[in-house]
C-alpha atoms as a PDB file:
ATOM      1  CA  MET A   1     -65.084-164.342-106.328  1.00  0.00           C
ATOM      2  CA  GLU A   2     -68.490-165.566-105.631  1.00  0.00           C
ATOM      3  CA  THR A   3     -67.003-168.655-103.714  1.00  0.00           C
ATOM      4  CA  VAL A   4     -65.067-166.201-101.361  1.00  0.00           C
ATOM      5  CA  ILE A   5     -68.102-164.123-100.667  1.00  0.00           C
ATOM      6  CA  THR A   6     -70.128-167.240 -99.951  1.00  0.00           C
ATOM      7  CA  LEU A   7     -67.428-168.440 -97.674  1.00  0.00           C
ATOM      8  CA  LEU A   8     -67.184-165.242 -95.785  1.00  0.00           C
ATOM      9  CA  ALA A   9     -70.942-165.059 -95.398  1.00  0.00           C
ATOM     10  CA  ALA A  10     -70.894-168.604 -94.003  1.00  0.00           C
ATOM     11  CA  ALA A  11     -68.151-167.766 -91.521  1.00  0.00           C
ATOM     12  CA  LEU A  12     -70.065-164.539 -90.428  1.00  0.00           C
ATOM     13  CA  LEU A  13     -73.304-166.491 -89.804  1.00  0.00           C
ATOM     14  CA  ILE A  14     -71.409-169.169 -87.705  1.00  0.00           C
ATOM     15  CA  ALA A  15     -69.622-166.399 -85.767  1.00  0.00           C
ATOM     16  CA  LEU A  16     -72.893-164.769 -85.022  1.00  0.00           C
ATOM     17  CA  GLY A  17     -74.581-167.959 -84.213  1.00  0.00           C
ATOM     18  CA  ALA A  18     -71.728-168.875 -81.813  1.00  0.00           C
ATOM     19  CA  ARG A  19     -72.038-165.420 -80.158  1.00  0.00           C
ATOM     20  CA  LEU A  20     -75.801-165.831 -79.715  1.00  0.00           C
ATOM     21  CA  ILE A  21     -75.470-169.177 -77.993  1.00  0.00           C
ATOM     22  CA  HIS A  22     -72.745-167.770 -75.754  1.00  0.00           C
ATOM     23  CA  ARG A  23     -74.917-164.914 -74.673  1.00  0.00           C
ATOM     24  CA  LEU A  24     -78.007-167.223 -74.244  1.00  0.00           C
ATOM     25  CA  ASN A  25     -75.849-169.531 -72.024  1.00  0.00           C
ATOM     26  CA  ALA A  26     -74.679-166.515 -69.904  1.00  0.00           C
ATOM     27  CA  GLN A  27     -78.180-165.273 -69.416  1.00  0.00           C
ATOM     28  CA  HIS A  28     -79.319-168.859 -68.463  1.00  0.00           C
ATOM     29  CA  ASP A  29     -76.319-169.104 -65.995  1.00  0.00           C
ATOM     30  CA  ALA A  30     -77.344-165.807 -64.383  1.00  0.00           C
ATOM     31  CA  ARG A  31     -80.863-166.932 -64.098  1.00  0.00           C
ATOM     32  CA  ILE A  32     -79.755-170.061 -62.306  1.00  0.00           C
ATOM     33  CA  ALA A  33     -77.621-168.242 -59.962  1.00  0.00           C
ATOM     34  CA  ALA A  34     -80.405-165.698 -58.955  1.00  0.00           C
ATOM     35  CA  HIS A  35     -82.794-168.609 -58.384  1.00  0.00           C
ATOM     36  CA  ARG A  36     -83.217-170.060 -54.889  1.00  0.00           C
ATOM     37  CA  PHE A  37     -83.650-173.715 -55.068  1.00  0.00           C
ATOM     38  CA  GLY A  38     -84.911-174.543 -51.656  1.00  0.00           C
ATOM     39  CA  ASP A  39     -83.893-174.552 -47.950  1.00  0.00           C
ATOM     40  CA  PRO A  40     -80.467-175.798 -47.153  1.00  0.00           C
ATOM     41  CA  TYR A  41     -82.157-177.960 -44.341  1.00  0.00           C
ATOM     42  CA  PRO A  42     -85.577-179.010 -45.717  1.00  0.00           C
ATOM     43  CA  SER A  43     -86.073-181.430 -42.702  1.00  0.00           C
ATOM     44  CA  LEU A  44     -86.086-178.619 -40.259  1.00  0.00           C
ATOM     45  CA  SER A  45     -88.721-176.838 -41.912  1.00  0.00           C
ATOM     46  CA  ARG A  46     -91.247-179.682 -42.127  1.00  0.00           C
ATOM     47  CA  PRO A  47     -94.426-179.388 -39.970  1.00  0.00           C
ATOM     48  CA  PRO A  48     -94.677-181.722 -37.024  1.00  0.00           C
ATOM     49  CA  GLY A  49     -95.483-185.122 -37.669  1.00  0.00           C
ATOM     50  CA  HIS A  50     -94.315-185.041 -41.368  1.00  0.00           C
ATOM     51  CA  GLY A  51     -90.682-186.338 -40.925  1.00  0.00           C
ATOM     52  CA  ASN A  52     -88.863-188.634 -43.355  1.00  0.00           C
ATOM     53  CA  PRO A  53     -90.849-191.788 -44.173  1.00  0.00           C
ATOM     54  CA  ARG A  54     -89.324-195.056 -43.016  1.00  0.00           C
ATOM     55  CA  PRO A  55     -87.186-196.921 -45.653  1.00  0.00           C
ATOM     56  CA  PRO A  56     -88.920-200.112 -47.013  1.00  0.00           C
ATOM     57  CA  GLU A  57     -88.395-203.170 -45.189  1.00  0.00           C
ATOM     58  CA  ARG A  58     -85.765-205.446 -46.580  1.00  0.00           C
ATOM     59  CA  ILE A  59     -86.638-209.064 -47.189  1.00  0.00           C
ATOM     60  CA  ASP A  60     -83.648-210.366 -45.183  1.00  0.00           C
ATOM     61  CA  ASP A  61     -85.006-208.621 -42.087  1.00  0.00           C
ATOM     62  CA  ARG A  62     -88.292-210.409 -42.053  1.00  0.00           C
ATOM     63  CA  ARG A  63     -88.975-213.117 -39.495  1.00  0.00           C
ATOM     64  CA  PRO A  64     -91.057-216.070 -40.499  1.00  0.00           C
ATOM     65  CA  THR A  65     -94.387-215.979 -38.661  1.00  0.00           C
ATOM     66  CA  GLY A  66     -96.366-219.002 -39.931  1.00  0.00           C
ATOM     67  CA  THR A  67     -95.939-222.632 -39.371  1.00  0.00           C
ATOM     68  CA  TRP A  68     -95.201-223.718 -43.045  1.00  0.00           C
ATOM     69  CA  PRO A  69     -92.387-225.946 -43.451  1.00  0.00           C
END
């Protein structure tokens, strides 16, 4: 009899824990949906002169400038 009660108590605790996790996930999803993560076109909202930086120069694009053989 004690084993049955212990198993029922464990099953109840597992069910309550699953329900709590489910509710916390739903709350988190609602918070994410309500948050505005930024402008859809951030490049249009930059101040003048602050555009995208140039990509780094590739080594293949460099031209030799010295006289070293």
